[in-house]
Amino acid sequence: GLYQDMVARYGRLHSARLDLRASVGGEIIRLIEGEAAARGEILGRRVAEVSRKDGVKITLAGGSWLLFRRSGTESVVRIYAESASKELTASLVSYGKSLVLSFI
């Protein structure tokens, strides 16, 4: 089918989301953005772009990404990640969780 053709041509992407209950203010997103820009790499992969379009989205060399968003209705930071492997996606979410917790 169409999906199998796309996977064969482009590969499979693995996505994950973690909702982290945390009493945080708006500054957490600014702190995460600054950390990503200053570090220049995450898990040995170069930070290719940091975008503030929808929270803070950190795109890594090779196309993997990590996104942090505050909930508008509750004390939650949502962490999203996507990559070509389940293992890297899980590692990105874990990294994101530790980063958020370091600022609380």
C-alpha atoms as a PDB file:
ATOM      1  CA  GLY A   1       0.000   0.000   0.000  1.00  0.00           C
ATOM      2  CA  LEU A   2       0.864   3.661   0.000  1.00  0.00           C
ATOM      3  CA  TYR A   3       2.202   3.660   3.577  1.00  0.00           C
ATOM      4  CA  GLN A   4       4.550   0.726   2.894  1.00  0.00           C
ATOM      5  CA  ASP A   5       5.823   2.502  -0.231  1.00  0.00           C
ATOM      6  CA  MET A   6       6.555   5.636   1.790  1.00  0.00           C
ATOM      7  CA  VAL A   7       8.371   3.652   4.503  1.00  0.00           C
ATOM      8  CA  ALA A   8      10.419   1.829   1.856  1.00  0.00           C
ATOM      9  CA  ARG A   9      11.364   5.110   0.210  1.00  0.00           C
ATOM     10  CA  TYR A  10      11.854   7.408   3.217  1.00  0.00           C
ATOM     11  CA  GLY A  11      12.201   5.139   6.229  1.00  0.00           C
ATOM     12  CA  ARG A  12      10.075   4.933   9.350  1.00  0.00           C
ATOM     13  CA  LEU A  13       9.838   7.719  11.920  1.00  0.00           C
ATOM     14  CA  HIS A  14       9.322   7.080  15.619  1.00  0.00           C
ATOM     15  CA  SER A  15       7.547   9.714  17.680  1.00  0.00           C
ATOM     16  CA  ALA A  16       7.030  10.035  21.413  1.00  0.00           C
ATOM     17  CA  ARG A  17       5.442  12.455  23.858  1.00  0.00           C
ATOM     18  CA  LEU A  18       5.889  12.902  27.589  1.00  0.00           C
ATOM     19  CA  ASP A  19       3.711  15.154  29.745  1.00  0.00           C
ATOM     20  CA  LEU A  20       5.786  16.261  32.700  1.00  0.00           C
ATOM     21  CA  ARG A  21       3.796  17.712  35.588  1.00  0.00           C
ATOM     22  CA  ALA A  22       5.778  20.664  36.797  1.00  0.00           C
ATOM     23  CA  SER A  23       4.919  23.971  38.360  1.00  0.00           C
ATOM     24  CA  VAL A  24       6.799  26.139  35.900  1.00  0.00           C
ATOM     25  CA  GLY A  25       6.551  29.668  34.617  1.00  0.00           C
ATOM     26  CA  GLY A  26       7.071  30.930  31.109  1.00  0.00           C
ATOM     27  CA  GLU A  27      10.798  31.325  31.646  1.00  0.00           C
ATOM     28  CA  ILE A  28      11.381  27.563  31.379  1.00  0.00           C
ATOM     29  CA  ILE A  29      11.045  27.708  27.588  1.00  0.00           C
ATOM     30  CA  ARG A  30      13.545  30.595  27.405  1.00  0.00           C
ATOM     31  CA  LEU A  31      15.988  28.651  29.585  1.00  0.00           C
ATOM     32  CA  ILE A  32      15.681  25.526  27.429  1.00  0.00           C
ATOM     33  CA  GLU A  33      16.209  27.584  24.275  1.00  0.00           C
ATOM     34  CA  GLY A  34      19.334  29.182  25.742  1.00  0.00           C
ATOM     35  CA  GLU A  35      20.736  25.840  26.867  1.00  0.00           C
ATOM     36  CA  ALA A  36      20.214  24.269  23.434  1.00  0.00           C
ATOM     37  CA  ALA A  37      21.834  27.203  21.652  1.00  0.00           C
ATOM     38  CA  ALA A  38      24.786  27.319  24.074  1.00  0.00           C
ATOM     39  CA  ARG A  39      25.383  23.565  24.034  1.00  0.00           C
ATOM     40  CA  GLY A  40      25.392  23.204  20.248  1.00  0.00           C
ATOM     41  CA  GLU A  41      24.846  19.446  20.475  1.00  0.00           C
ATOM     42  CA  ILE A  42      22.501  16.946  22.085  1.00  0.00           C
ATOM     43  CA  LEU A  43      23.382  13.273  22.517  1.00  0.00           C
ATOM     44  CA  GLY A  44      26.389  13.739  20.246  1.00  0.00           C
ATOM     45  CA  ARG A  45      24.318  15.247  17.443  1.00  0.00           C
ATOM     46  CA  ARG A  46      24.825  18.837  16.287  1.00  0.00           C
ATOM     47  CA  VAL A  47      21.979  21.279  16.894  1.00  0.00           C
ATOM     48  CA  ALA A  48      21.013  22.386  13.376  1.00  0.00           C
ATOM     49  CA  GLU A  49      18.226  24.814  14.324  1.00  0.00           C
ATOM     50  CA  VAL A  50      16.362  26.168  17.336  1.00  0.00           C
ATOM     51  CA  SER A  51      12.886  27.478  16.540  1.00  0.00           C
ATOM     52  CA  ARG A  52      10.414  29.334  18.783  1.00  0.00           C
ATOM     53  CA  LYS A  53       7.470  28.881  16.411  1.00  0.00           C
ATOM     54  CA  ASP A  54       5.549  26.467  18.657  1.00  0.00           C
ATOM     55  CA  GLY A  55       7.349  26.277  22.009  1.00  0.00           C
ATOM     56  CA  VAL A  56      11.033  25.469  21.518  1.00  0.00           C
ATOM     57  CA  LYS A  57      11.836  22.991  18.761  1.00  0.00           C
ATOM     58  CA  ILE A  58      15.424  21.790  18.547  1.00  0.00           C
ATOM     59  CA  THR A  59      16.230  20.181  15.216  1.00  0.00           C
ATOM     60  CA  LEU A  60      19.371  18.067  15.125  1.00  0.00           C
ATOM     61  CA  ALA A  61      21.653  17.237  12.210  1.00  0.00           C
ATOM     62  CA  GLY A  62      20.040  14.339  10.375  1.00  0.00           C
ATOM     63  CA  GLY A  63      16.493  15.562  11.003  1.00  0.00           C
ATOM     64  CA  SER A  64      15.696  14.257  14.499  1.00  0.00           C
ATOM     65  CA  TRP A  65      13.997  16.802  16.729  1.00  0.00           C
ATOM     66  CA  LEU A  66      12.915  17.599  20.272  1.00  0.00           C
ATOM     67  CA  LEU A  67      10.072  20.004  21.110  1.00  0.00           C
ATOM     68  CA  PHE A  68       9.156  21.581  24.448  1.00  0.00           C
ATOM     69  CA  ARG A  69       5.748  23.215  24.980  1.00  0.00           C
ATOM     70  CA  ARG A  70       4.024  24.508  28.080  1.00  0.00           C
ATOM     71  CA  SER A  71       0.383  23.618  28.440  1.00  0.00           C
ATOM     72  CA  GLY A  72      -1.930  26.592  28.281  1.00  0.00           C
ATOM     73  CA  THR A  73      -4.368  25.074  30.766  1.00  0.00           C
ATOM     74  CA  GLU A  74      -2.359  23.130  33.349  1.00  0.00           C
ATOM     75  CA  SER A  75       1.067  22.966  35.006  1.00  0.00           C
ATOM     76  CA  VAL A  76       2.554  20.634  32.434  1.00  0.00           C
ATOM     77  CA  VAL A  77       5.526  20.779  30.102  1.00  0.00           C
ATOM     78  CA  ARG A  78       5.001  18.589  27.068  1.00  0.00           C
ATOM     79  CA  ILE A  79       8.070  17.018  25.523  1.00  0.00           C
ATOM     80  CA  TYR A  80       7.845  15.631  21.993  1.00  0.00           C
ATOM     81  CA  ALA A  81      10.562  13.863  20.011  1.00  0.00           C
ATOM     82  CA  GLU A  82      10.912  12.222  16.625  1.00  0.00           C
ATOM     83  CA  SER A  83      13.723  10.320  14.960  1.00  0.00           C
ATOM     84  CA  ALA A  84      14.403   7.376  12.675  1.00  0.00           C
ATOM     85  CA  SER A  85      14.890   4.963  15.615  1.00  0.00           C
ATOM     86  CA  LYS A  86      12.890   4.048  18.713  1.00  0.00           C
ATOM     87  CA  GLU A  87      16.061   4.130  20.791  1.00  0.00           C
ATOM     88  CA  LEU A  88      17.072   7.646  19.770  1.00  0.00           C
ATOM     89  CA  THR A  89      13.515   8.919  20.244  1.00  0.00           C
ATOM     90  CA  ALA A  90      13.430   7.458  23.768  1.00  0.00           C
ATOM     91  CA  SER A  91      16.860   8.972  24.506  1.00  0.00           C
ATOM     92  CA  LEU A  92      15.703  12.385  23.269  1.00  0.00           C
ATOM     93  CA  VAL A  93      12.627  12.285  25.525  1.00  0.00           C
ATOM     94  CA  SER A  94      14.781  11.220  28.470  1.00  0.00           C
ATOM     95  CA  TYR A  95      17.239  14.039  27.749  1.00  0.00           C
ATOM     96  CA  GLY A  96      14.341  16.490  27.495  1.00  0.00           C
ATOM     97  CA  LYS A  97      12.936  15.342  30.838  1.00  0.00           C
ATOM     98  CA  SER A  98      16.295  15.747  32.590  1.00  0.00           C
ATOM     99  CA  LEU A  99      16.708  19.203  31.038  1.00  0.00           C
ATOM    100  CA  VAL A 100      13.291  20.384  32.257  1.00  0.00           C
ATOM    101  CA  LEU A 101      13.906  18.955  35.732  1.00  0.00           C
ATOM    102  CA  SER A 102      17.268  20.752  35.915  1.00  0.00           C
ATOM    103  CA  PHE A 103      15.440  24.088  35.689  1.00  0.00           C
ATOM    104  CA  ILE A 104      12.789  23.372  38.329  1.00  0.00           C
END
